[in-house]
Amino acid sequence: MPIKKDMLNGLKTVHGGVTFAFADSALAFSSNNTGDAAVALNCIINFTKAGKEGDVFRAESVLVNNTRKTAVYDIQITNQNKELIAKFVGTVYKIGKKVTEL
């Protein structure tokens, strides 16, 4: 995700909501990629480095726990220099429907 001027806060760094939304989107793609619908149940984010205009963010999602009704994902947001921007942990609830049924 290329970081543009309209994604910055008053301190001229990436707004935390932009970074959170990017990580939350990675969670959605990861948790619904089998076709079974899942929704966020809990999300925690730690911001480790401020992003700047011109950065390019990358999200990487790893499934760390998977049960019949829930799953937990670790998501790292890094910049073009592979520096950690944020660490996000998301828990999802599997709603018992297919994505195509919604």
PDB file of N, CA and C in Angstrom:
ATOM      1  N   MET A   1       0.855  -1.169   0.000  1.00  0.00           N
ATOM      2  CA  MET A   1       0.000   0.000   0.000  1.00  0.00           C
ATOM      3  C   MET A   1       0.904   1.237   0.000  1.00  0.00           C
ATOM      4  N   PRO A   2       0.907   1.980  -1.078  1.00  0.00           N
ATOM      5  CA  PRO A   2       1.685   3.220  -1.121  1.00  0.00           C
ATOM      6  C   PRO A   2       1.067   4.266  -0.184  1.00  0.00           C
ATOM      7  N   ILE A   3       1.914   4.936   0.586  1.00  0.00           N
ATOM      8  CA  ILE A   3       1.445   5.943   1.526  1.00  0.00           C
ATOM      9  C   ILE A   3       1.429   7.312   0.841  1.00  0.00           C
ATOM     10  N   LYS A   4       0.228   7.913   0.838  1.00  0.00           N
ATOM     11  CA  LYS A   4       0.023   9.207   0.180  1.00  0.00           C
ATOM     12  C   LYS A   4      -0.235  10.292   1.211  1.00  0.00           C
ATOM     13  N   LYS A   5      -0.159  11.523   0.777  1.00  0.00           N
ATOM     14  CA  LYS A   5      -0.302  12.679   1.664  1.00  0.00           C
ATOM     15  C   LYS A   5      -1.619  12.665   2.445  1.00  0.00           C
ATOM     16  N   ASP A   6      -2.712  12.226   1.803  1.00  0.00           N
ATOM     17  CA  ASP A   6      -4.005  12.247   2.487  1.00  0.00           C
ATOM     18  C   ASP A   6      -4.143  11.150   3.542  1.00  0.00           C
ATOM     19  N   MET A   7      -3.116  10.316   3.733  1.00  0.00           N
ATOM     20  CA  MET A   7      -3.117   9.279   4.758  1.00  0.00           C
ATOM     21  C   MET A   7      -2.373   9.717   6.022  1.00  0.00           C
ATOM     22  N   LEU A   8      -1.892  10.956   6.032  1.00  0.00           N
ATOM     23  CA  LEU A   8      -1.085  11.446   7.141  1.00  0.00           C
ATOM     24  C   LEU A   8      -1.936  12.157   8.193  1.00  0.00           C
ATOM     25  N   ASN A   9      -1.422  12.172   9.417  1.00  0.00           N
ATOM     26  CA  ASN A   9      -2.073  12.904  10.497  1.00  0.00           C
ATOM     27  C   ASN A   9      -1.443  14.292  10.638  1.00  0.00           C
ATOM     28  N   GLY A  10      -1.800  14.993  11.677  1.00  0.00           N
ATOM     29  CA  GLY A  10      -1.276  16.345  11.893  1.00  0.00           C
ATOM     30  C   GLY A  10       0.216  16.408  12.148  1.00  0.00           C
ATOM     31  N   LEU A  11       0.816  15.289  12.496  1.00  0.00           N
ATOM     32  CA  LEU A  11       2.258  15.241  12.738  1.00  0.00           C
ATOM     33  C   LEU A  11       3.035  14.821  11.492  1.00  0.00           C
ATOM     34  N   LYS A  12       2.316  14.690  10.385  1.00  0.00           N
ATOM     35  CA  LYS A  12       2.891  14.306   9.087  1.00  0.00           C
ATOM     36  C   LYS A  12       3.440  12.876   9.090  1.00  0.00           C
ATOM     37  N   THR A  13       2.828  12.021   9.919  1.00  0.00           N
ATOM     38  CA  THR A  13       3.119  10.597   9.900  1.00  0.00           C
ATOM     39  C   THR A  13       1.818   9.868   9.555  1.00  0.00           C
ATOM     40  N   VAL A  14       1.924   8.597   9.197  1.00  0.00           N
ATOM     41  CA  VAL A  14       0.738   7.844   8.792  1.00  0.00           C
ATOM     42  C   VAL A  14      -0.242   7.767   9.965  1.00  0.00           C
ATOM     43  N   HIS A  15      -1.498   8.087   9.694  1.00  0.00           N
ATOM     44  CA  HIS A  15      -2.544   8.013  10.707  1.00  0.00           C
ATOM     45  C   HIS A  15      -2.690   6.560  11.161  1.00  0.00           C
ATOM     46  N   GLY A  16      -2.804   6.357  12.460  1.00  0.00           N
ATOM     47  CA  GLY A  16      -2.932   5.008  13.005  1.00  0.00           C
ATOM     48  C   GLY A  16      -4.128   4.253  12.445  1.00  0.00           C
ATOM     49  N   GLY A  17      -5.200   4.980  12.147  1.00  0.00           N
ATOM     50  CA  GLY A  17      -6.387   4.338  11.583  1.00  0.00           C
ATOM     51  C   GLY A  17      -6.136   3.763  10.205  1.00  0.00           C
ATOM     52  N   VAL A  18      -5.254   4.380   9.447  1.00  0.00           N
ATOM     53  CA  VAL A  18      -4.901   3.872   8.117  1.00  0.00           C
ATOM     54  C   VAL A  18      -4.146   2.549   8.258  1.00  0.00           C
ATOM     55  N   THR A  19      -3.182   2.529   9.166  1.00  0.00           N
ATOM     56  CA  THR A  19      -2.404   1.316   9.401  1.00  0.00           C
ATOM     57  C   THR A  19      -3.304   0.206   9.941  1.00  0.00           C
ATOM     58  N   PHE A  20      -4.197   0.549  10.875  1.00  0.00           N
ATOM     59  CA  PHE A  20      -5.120  -0.445  11.430  1.00  0.00           C
ATOM     60  C   PHE A  20      -6.025  -1.005  10.341  1.00  0.00           C
ATOM     61  N   ALA A  21      -6.569  -0.131   9.499  1.00  0.00           N
ATOM     62  CA  ALA A  21      -7.463  -0.586   8.428  1.00  0.00           C
ATOM     63  C   ALA A  21      -6.736  -1.520   7.460  1.00  0.00           C
ATOM     64  N   PHE A  22      -5.488  -1.228   7.164  1.00  0.00           N
ATOM     65  CA  PHE A  22      -4.698  -2.080   6.278  1.00  0.00           C
ATOM     66  C   PHE A  22      -4.505  -3.461   6.904  1.00  0.00           C
ATOM     67  N   ALA A  23      -4.142  -3.495   8.191  1.00  0.00           N
ATOM     68  CA  ALA A  23      -3.967  -4.769   8.886  1.00  0.00           C
ATOM     69  C   ALA A  23      -5.292  -5.522   8.993  1.00  0.00           C
ATOM     70  N   ASP A  24      -6.370  -4.803   9.261  1.00  0.00           N
ATOM     71  CA  ASP A  24      -7.693  -5.424   9.360  1.00  0.00           C
ATOM     72  C   ASP A  24      -8.119  -6.020   8.021  1.00  0.00           C
ATOM     73  N   SER A  25      -7.767  -5.382   6.932  1.00  0.00           N
ATOM     74  CA  SER A  25      -8.060  -5.928   5.600  1.00  0.00           C
ATOM     75  C   SER A  25      -7.267  -7.207   5.355  1.00  0.00           C
ATOM     76  N   ALA A  26      -6.010  -7.227   5.796  1.00  0.00           N
ATOM     77  CA  ALA A  26      -5.208  -8.447   5.676  1.00  0.00           C
ATOM     78  C   ALA A  26      -5.839  -9.576   6.487  1.00  0.00           C
ATOM     79  N   LEU A  27      -6.361  -9.247   7.660  1.00  0.00           N
ATOM     80  CA  LEU A  27      -7.061 -10.237   8.480  1.00  0.00           C
ATOM     81  C   LEU A  27      -8.281 -10.770   7.738  1.00  0.00           C
ATOM     82  N   ALA A  28      -9.050  -9.894   7.130  1.00  0.00           N
ATOM     83  CA  ALA A  28     -10.254 -10.307   6.404  1.00  0.00           C
ATOM     84  C   ALA A  28      -9.905 -11.226   5.235  1.00  0.00           C
ATOM     85  N   PHE A  29      -8.909 -10.855   4.451  1.00  0.00           N
ATOM     86  CA  PHE A  29      -8.504 -11.703   3.327  1.00  0.00           C
ATOM     87  C   PHE A  29      -8.013 -13.066   3.819  1.00  0.00           C
ATOM     88  N   SER A  30      -7.205 -13.062   4.867  1.00  0.00           N
ATOM     89  CA  SER A  30      -6.645 -14.311   5.383  1.00  0.00           C
ATOM     90  C   SER A  30      -7.715 -15.225   5.960  1.00  0.00           C
ATOM     91  N   SER A  31      -8.619 -14.656   6.727  1.00  0.00           N
ATOM     92  CA  SER A  31      -9.588 -15.483   7.449  1.00  0.00           C
ATOM     93  C   SER A  31     -10.754 -15.940   6.581  1.00  0.00           C
ATOM     94  N   ASN A  32     -10.938 -15.340   5.426  1.00  0.00           N
ATOM     95  CA  ASN A  32     -12.027 -15.731   4.524  1.00  0.00           C
ATOM     96  C   ASN A  32     -11.540 -16.423   3.261  1.00  0.00           C
ATOM     97  N   ASN A  33     -10.243 -16.702   3.170  1.00  0.00           N
ATOM     98  CA  ASN A  33      -9.693 -17.222   1.908  1.00  0.00           C
ATOM     99  C   ASN A  33     -10.085 -18.662   1.591  1.00  0.00           C
ATOM    100  N   THR A  34     -10.663 -19.385   2.539  1.00  0.00           N
ATOM    101  CA  THR A  34     -11.116 -20.750   2.255  1.00  0.00           C
ATOM    102  C   THR A  34     -12.559 -20.769   1.756  1.00  0.00           C
ATOM    103  N   GLY A  35     -13.217 -19.600   1.817  1.00  0.00           N
ATOM    104  CA  GLY A  35     -14.618 -19.522   1.426  1.00  0.00           C
ATOM    105  C   GLY A  35     -15.567 -19.603   2.598  1.00  0.00           C
ATOM    106  N   ASP A  36     -15.056 -19.964   3.775  1.00  0.00           N
ATOM    107  CA  ASP A  36     -15.861 -19.971   4.994  1.00  0.00           C
ATOM    108  C   ASP A  36     -15.808 -18.581   5.617  1.00  0.00           C
ATOM    109  N   ALA A  37     -16.983 -17.988   5.860  1.00  0.00           N
ATOM    110  CA  ALA A  37     -17.050 -16.610   6.343  1.00  0.00           C
ATOM    111  C   ALA A  37     -16.604 -16.496   7.795  1.00  0.00           C
ATOM    112  N   ALA A  38     -15.796 -15.485   8.058  1.00  0.00           N
ATOM    113  CA  ALA A  38     -15.330 -15.191   9.410  1.00  0.00           C
ATOM    114  C   ALA A  38     -15.342 -13.683   9.610  1.00  0.00           C
ATOM    115  N   VAL A  39     -15.622 -13.270  10.834  1.00  0.00           N
ATOM    116  CA  VAL A  39     -15.653 -11.847  11.171  1.00  0.00           C
ATOM    117  C   VAL A  39     -14.717 -11.586  12.353  1.00  0.00           C
ATOM    118  N   ALA A  40     -14.196 -10.374  12.417  1.00  0.00           N
ATOM    119  CA  ALA A  40     -13.283 -10.019  13.506  1.00  0.00           C
ATOM    120  C   ALA A  40     -14.008 -10.064  14.850  1.00  0.00           C
ATOM    121  N   LEU A  41     -13.367 -10.679  15.803  1.00  0.00           N
ATOM    122  CA  LEU A  41     -13.880 -10.781  17.162  1.00  0.00           C
ATOM    123  C   LEU A  41     -13.090  -9.884  18.095  1.00  0.00           C
ATOM    124  N   ASN A  42     -11.779  -9.814  17.873  1.00  0.00           N
ATOM    125  CA  ASN A  42     -10.897  -8.987  18.687  1.00  0.00           C
ATOM    126  C   ASN A  42      -9.651  -8.667  17.873  1.00  0.00           C
ATOM    127  N   CYS A  43      -9.189  -7.435  17.972  1.00  0.00           N
ATOM    128  CA  CYS A  43      -7.977  -7.020  17.270  1.00  0.00           C
ATOM    129  C   CYS A  43      -7.139  -6.134  18.187  1.00  0.00           C
ATOM    130  N   ILE A  44      -5.849  -6.360  18.170  1.00  0.00           N
ATOM    131  CA  ILE A  44      -4.912  -5.562  18.958  1.00  0.00           C
ATOM    132  C   ILE A  44      -3.782  -5.135  18.022  1.00  0.00           C
ATOM    133  N   ILE A  45      -3.393  -3.867  18.131  1.00  0.00           N
ATOM    134  CA  ILE A  45      -2.291  -3.393  17.291  1.00  0.00           C
ATOM    135  C   ILE A  45      -1.274  -2.654  18.153  1.00  0.00           C
ATOM    136  N   ASN A  46      -0.015  -2.865  17.832  1.00  0.00           N
ATOM    137  CA  ASN A  46       1.080  -2.109  18.432  1.00  0.00           C
ATOM    138  C   ASN A  46       1.806  -1.403  17.308  1.00  0.00           C
ATOM    139  N   PHE A  47       1.903  -0.087  17.420  1.00  0.00           N
ATOM    140  CA  PHE A  47       2.613   0.707  16.426  1.00  0.00           C
ATOM    141  C   PHE A  47       4.078   0.785  16.861  1.00  0.00           C
ATOM    142  N   THR A  48       4.983   0.367  15.995  1.00  0.00           N
ATOM    143  CA  THR A  48       6.397   0.294  16.372  1.00  0.00           C
ATOM    144  C   THR A  48       7.275   1.338  15.685  1.00  0.00           C
ATOM    145  N   LYS A  49       6.803   1.880  14.581  1.00  0.00           N
ATOM    146  CA  LYS A  49       7.575   2.896  13.841  1.00  0.00           C
ATOM    147  C   LYS A  49       6.593   3.744  13.049  1.00  0.00           C
ATOM    148  N   ALA A  50       6.842   5.026  13.011  1.00  0.00           N
ATOM    149  CA  ALA A  50       5.974   5.931  12.258  1.00  0.00           C
ATOM    150  C   ALA A  50       6.245   5.797  10.758  1.00  0.00           C
ATOM    151  N   GLY A  51       5.177   5.693   9.989  1.00  0.00           N
ATOM    152  CA  GLY A  51       5.291   5.693   8.542  1.00  0.00           C
ATOM    153  C   GLY A  51       5.264   7.126   8.020  1.00  0.00           C
ATOM    154  N   LYS A  52       5.824   7.318   6.856  1.00  0.00           N
ATOM    155  CA  LYS A  52       5.908   8.649   6.236  1.00  0.00           C
ATOM    156  C   LYS A  52       5.350   8.607   4.816  1.00  0.00           C
ATOM    157  N   GLU A  53       5.012   9.778   4.300  1.00  0.00           N
ATOM    158  CA  GLU A  53       4.575   9.879   2.913  1.00  0.00           C
ATOM    159  C   GLU A  53       5.667   9.314   2.006  1.00  0.00           C
ATOM    160  N   GLY A  54       5.266   8.516   1.027  1.00  0.00           N
ATOM    161  CA  GLY A  54       6.213   7.893   0.111  1.00  0.00           C
ATOM    162  C   GLY A  54       6.601   6.475   0.495  1.00  0.00           C
ATOM    163  N   ASP A  55       6.326   6.095   1.763  1.00  0.00           N
ATOM    164  CA  ASP A  55       6.577   4.707   2.162  1.00  0.00           C
ATOM    165  C   ASP A  55       5.649   3.767   1.385  1.00  0.00           C
ATOM    166  N   VAL A  56       6.022   2.518   1.345  1.00  0.00           N
ATOM    167  CA  VAL A  56       5.163   1.478   0.783  1.00  0.00           C
ATOM    168  C   VAL A  56       5.005   0.413   1.865  1.00  0.00           C
ATOM    169  N   PHE A  57       3.775   0.261   2.353  1.00  0.00           N
ATOM    170  CA  PHE A  57       3.494  -0.715   3.400  1.00  0.00           C
ATOM    171  C   PHE A  57       3.176  -2.073   2.785  1.00  0.00           C
ATOM    172  N   ARG A  58       3.577  -3.120   3.499  1.00  0.00           N
ATOM    173  CA  ARG A  58       3.303  -4.500   3.102  1.00  0.00           C
ATOM    174  C   ARG A  58       2.738  -5.215   4.320  1.00  0.00           C
ATOM    175  N   ALA A  59       1.687  -5.992   4.115  1.00  0.00           N
ATOM    176  CA  ALA A  59       1.087  -6.773   5.200  1.00  0.00           C
ATOM    177  C   ALA A  59       1.384  -8.251   4.974  1.00  0.00           C
ATOM    178  N   GLU A  60       1.788  -8.931   6.038  1.00  0.00           N
ATOM    179  CA  GLU A  60       1.991 -10.375   5.989  1.00  0.00           C
ATOM    180  C   GLU A  60       1.200 -10.995   7.129  1.00  0.00           C
ATOM    181  N   SER A  61       0.351 -11.954   6.788  1.00  0.00           N
ATOM    182  CA  SER A  61      -0.535 -12.589   7.757  1.00  0.00           C
ATOM    183  C   SER A  61      -0.161 -14.053   7.930  1.00  0.00           C
ATOM    184  N   VAL A  62      -0.093 -14.483   9.189  1.00  0.00           N
ATOM    185  CA  VAL A  62       0.236 -15.872   9.512  1.00  0.00           C
ATOM    186  C   VAL A  62      -0.831 -16.412  10.461  1.00  0.00           C
ATOM    187  N   LEU A  63      -1.416 -17.545  10.097  1.00  0.00           N
ATOM    188  CA  LEU A  63      -2.382 -18.221  10.959  1.00  0.00           C
ATOM    189  C   LEU A  63      -1.620 -18.889  12.097  1.00  0.00           C
ATOM    190  N   VAL A  64      -1.985 -18.569  13.354  1.00  0.00           N
ATOM    191  CA  VAL A  64      -1.271 -19.145  14.494  1.00  0.00           C
ATOM    192  C   VAL A  64      -2.121 -20.115  15.301  1.00  0.00           C
ATOM    193  N   ASN A  65      -3.430 -20.051  15.171  1.00  0.00           N
ATOM    194  CA  ASN A  65      -4.305 -20.984  15.869  1.00  0.00           C
ATOM    195  C   ASN A  65      -5.614 -21.090  15.109  1.00  0.00           C
ATOM    196  N   ASN A  66      -6.106 -22.311  14.948  1.00  0.00           N
ATOM    197  CA  ASN A  66      -7.320 -22.515  14.165  1.00  0.00           C
ATOM    198  C   ASN A  66      -8.179 -23.574  14.850  1.00  0.00           C
ATOM    199  N   THR A  67      -9.393 -23.196  15.239  1.00  0.00           N
ATOM    200  CA  THR A  67     -10.331 -24.146  15.831  1.00  0.00           C
ATOM    201  C   THR A  67     -11.587 -24.174  14.971  1.00  0.00           C
ATOM    202  N   ARG A  68     -12.550 -24.953  15.403  1.00  0.00           N
ATOM    203  CA  ARG A  68     -13.795 -25.077  14.645  1.00  0.00           C
ATOM    204  C   ARG A  68     -14.528 -23.738  14.537  1.00  0.00           C
ATOM    205  N   LYS A  69     -14.467 -22.886  15.554  1.00  0.00           N
ATOM    206  CA  LYS A  69     -15.239 -21.643  15.557  1.00  0.00           C
ATOM    207  C   LYS A  69     -14.397 -20.365  15.549  1.00  0.00           C
ATOM    208  N   THR A  70     -13.107 -20.447  15.869  1.00  0.00           N
ATOM    209  CA  THR A  70     -12.273 -19.249  15.912  1.00  0.00           C
ATOM    210  C   THR A  70     -10.917 -19.513  15.256  1.00  0.00           C
ATOM    211  N   ALA A  71     -10.227 -18.431  14.964  1.00  0.00           N
ATOM    212  CA  ALA A  71      -8.851 -18.513  14.467  1.00  0.00           C
ATOM    213  C   ALA A  71      -8.120 -17.245  14.896  1.00  0.00           C
ATOM    214  N   VAL A  72      -6.818 -17.360  15.069  1.00  0.00           N
ATOM    215  CA  VAL A  72      -5.983 -16.225  15.465  1.00  0.00           C
ATOM    216  C   VAL A  72      -4.898 -16.040  14.411  1.00  0.00           C
ATOM    217  N   TYR A  73      -4.697 -14.791  14.014  1.00  0.00           N
ATOM    218  CA  TYR A  73      -3.706 -14.443  12.995  1.00  0.00           C
ATOM    219  C   TYR A  73      -2.744 -13.387  13.542  1.00  0.00           C
ATOM    220  N   ASP A  74      -1.467 -13.561  13.252  1.00  0.00           N
ATOM    221  CA  ASP A  74      -0.456 -12.532  13.490  1.00  0.00           C
ATOM    222  C   ASP A  74      -0.222 -11.821  12.170  1.00  0.00           C
ATOM    223  N   ILE A  75      -0.301 -10.504  12.202  1.00  0.00           N
ATOM    224  CA  ILE A  75      -0.096  -9.716  10.985  1.00  0.00           C
ATOM    225  C   ILE A  75       0.980  -8.683  11.257  1.00  0.00           C
ATOM    226  N   GLN A  76       1.970  -8.655  10.379  1.00  0.00           N
ATOM    227  CA  GLN A  76       3.029  -7.652  10.477  1.00  0.00           C
ATOM    228  C   GLN A  76       2.910  -6.685   9.316  1.00  0.00           C
ATOM    229  N   ILE A  77       3.003  -5.407   9.636  1.00  0.00           N
ATOM    230  CA  ILE A  77       3.051  -4.354   8.623  1.00  0.00           C
ATOM    231  C   ILE A  77       4.490  -3.857   8.588  1.00  0.00           C
ATOM    232  N   THR A  78       5.097  -3.935   7.410  1.00  0.00           N
ATOM    233  CA  THR A  78       6.463  -3.450   7.233  1.00  0.00           C
ATOM    234  C   THR A  78       6.496  -2.401   6.130  1.00  0.00           C
ATOM    235  N   ASN A  79       7.592  -1.653   6.089  1.00  0.00           N
ATOM    236  CA  ASN A  79       7.760  -0.680   5.008  1.00  0.00           C
ATOM    237  C   ASN A  79       8.701  -1.248   3.942  1.00  0.00           C
ATOM    238  N   GLN A  80       9.021  -0.431   2.975  1.00  0.00           N
ATOM    239  CA  GLN A  80       9.848  -0.862   1.843  1.00  0.00           C
ATOM    240  C   GLN A  80      11.257  -1.277   2.272  1.00  0.00           C
ATOM    241  N   ASN A  81      11.675  -0.872   3.476  1.00  0.00           N
ATOM    242  CA  ASN A  81      12.990  -1.248   4.000  1.00  0.00           C
ATOM    243  C   ASN A  81      12.909  -2.455   4.938  1.00  0.00           C
ATOM    244  N   LYS A  82      11.746  -3.097   4.960  1.00  0.00           N
ATOM    245  CA  LYS A  82      11.484  -4.263   5.815  1.00  0.00           C
ATOM    246  C   LYS A  82      11.525  -3.910   7.297  1.00  0.00           C
ATOM    247  N   GLU A  83      11.300  -2.645   7.621  1.00  0.00           N
ATOM    248  CA  GLU A  83      11.226  -2.212   9.015  1.00  0.00           C
ATOM    249  C   GLU A  83       9.799  -2.443   9.515  1.00  0.00           C
ATOM    250  N   LEU A  84       9.676  -2.942  10.734  1.00  0.00           N
ATOM    251  CA  LEU A  84       8.369  -3.214  11.306  1.00  0.00           C
ATOM    252  C   LEU A  84       7.661  -1.908  11.655  1.00  0.00           C
ATOM    253  N   ILE A  85       6.509  -1.696  11.063  1.00  0.00           N
ATOM    254  CA  ILE A  85       5.682  -0.513  11.322  1.00  0.00           C
ATOM    255  C   ILE A  85       4.648  -0.815  12.392  1.00  0.00           C
ATOM    256  N   ALA A  86       4.036  -1.995  12.329  1.00  0.00           N
ATOM    257  CA  ALA A  86       3.024  -2.372  13.313  1.00  0.00           C
ATOM    258  C   ALA A  86       2.904  -3.878  13.411  1.00  0.00           C
ATOM    259  N   LYS A  87       2.548  -4.341  14.597  1.00  0.00           N
ATOM    260  CA  LYS A  87       2.258  -5.749  14.870  1.00  0.00           C
ATOM    261  C   LYS A  87       0.796  -5.815  15.275  1.00  0.00           C
ATOM    262  N   PHE A  88       0.037  -6.640  14.589  1.00  0.00           N
ATOM    263  CA  PHE A  88      -1.415  -6.729  14.756  1.00  0.00           C
ATOM    264  C   PHE A  88      -1.764  -8.186  15.025  1.00  0.00           C
ATOM    265  N   VAL A  89      -2.583  -8.428  16.023  1.00  0.00           N
ATOM    266  CA  VAL A  89      -3.087  -9.775  16.296  1.00  0.00           C
ATOM    267  C   VAL A  89      -4.604  -9.712  16.194  1.00  0.00           C
ATOM    268  N   GLY A  90      -5.166 -10.565  15.358  1.00  0.00           N
ATOM    269  CA  GLY A  90      -6.608 -10.572  15.154  1.00  0.00           C
ATOM    270  C   GLY A  90      -7.198 -11.941  15.421  1.00  0.00           C
ATOM    271  N   THR A  91      -8.291 -11.956  16.157  1.00  0.00           N
ATOM    272  CA  THR A  91      -9.053 -13.178  16.392  1.00  0.00           C
ATOM    273  C   THR A  91     -10.350 -13.068  15.611  1.00  0.00           C
ATOM    274  N   VAL A  92     -10.699 -14.116  14.896  1.00  0.00           N
ATOM    275  CA  VAL A  92     -11.937 -14.119  14.112  1.00  0.00           C
ATOM    276  C   VAL A  92     -12.875 -15.210  14.611  1.00  0.00           C
ATOM    277  N   TYR A  93     -14.150 -14.971  14.358  1.00  0.00           N
ATOM    278  CA  TYR A  93     -15.211 -15.928  14.666  1.00  0.00           C
ATOM    279  C   TYR A  93     -15.770 -16.441  13.353  1.00  0.00           C
ATOM    280  N   LYS A  94     -15.827 -17.737  13.208  1.00  0.00           N
ATOM    281  CA  LYS A  94     -16.359 -18.355  11.994  1.00  0.00           C
ATOM    282  C   LYS A  94     -17.881 -18.459  12.145  1.00  0.00           C
ATOM    283  N   ILE A  95     -18.605 -17.794  11.261  1.00  0.00           N
ATOM    284  CA  ILE A  95     -20.049 -17.653  11.440  1.00  0.00           C
ATOM    285  C   ILE A  95     -20.877 -18.818  10.907  1.00  0.00           C
ATOM    286  N   GLY A  96     -20.225 -19.797  10.323  1.00  0.00           N
ATOM    287  CA  GLY A  96     -20.940 -20.990   9.881  1.00  0.00           C
ATOM    288  C   GLY A  96     -21.626 -20.846   8.540  1.00  0.00           C
ATOM    289  N   LYS A  97     -21.206 -19.860   7.740  1.00  0.00           N
ATOM    290  CA  LYS A  97     -21.747 -19.679   6.385  1.00  0.00           C
ATOM    291  C   LYS A  97     -20.597 -19.542   5.413  1.00  0.00           C
ATOM    292  N   LYS A  98     -20.890 -19.763   4.171  1.00  0.00           N
ATOM    293  CA  LYS A  98     -19.918 -19.532   3.107  1.00  0.00           C
ATOM    294  C   LYS A  98     -19.954 -18.045   2.731  1.00  0.00           C
ATOM    295  N   VAL A  99     -18.809 -17.530   2.310  1.00  0.00           N
ATOM    296  CA  VAL A  99     -18.730 -16.137   1.881  1.00  0.00           C
ATOM    297  C   VAL A  99     -19.720 -15.875   0.749  1.00  0.00           C
ATOM    298  N   THR A 100     -19.902 -16.838  -0.126  1.00  0.00           N
ATOM    299  CA  THR A 100     -20.802 -16.672  -1.267  1.00  0.00           C
ATOM    300  C   THR A 100     -22.269 -16.646  -0.859  1.00  0.00           C
ATOM    301  N   GLU A 101     -22.595 -17.034   0.369  1.00  0.00           N
ATOM    302  CA  GLU A 101     -23.972 -17.014   0.844  1.00  0.00           C
ATOM    303  C   GLU A 101     -24.373 -15.647   1.408  1.00  0.00           C
ATOM    304  N   LEU A 102     -23.426 -14.779   1.599  1.00  0.00           N
ATOM    305  CA  LEU A 102     -23.705 -13.482   2.239  1.00  0.00           C
ATOM    306  C   LEU A 102     -24.073 -12.405   1.246  1.00  0.00           C
TER     307      LEU A 102
END
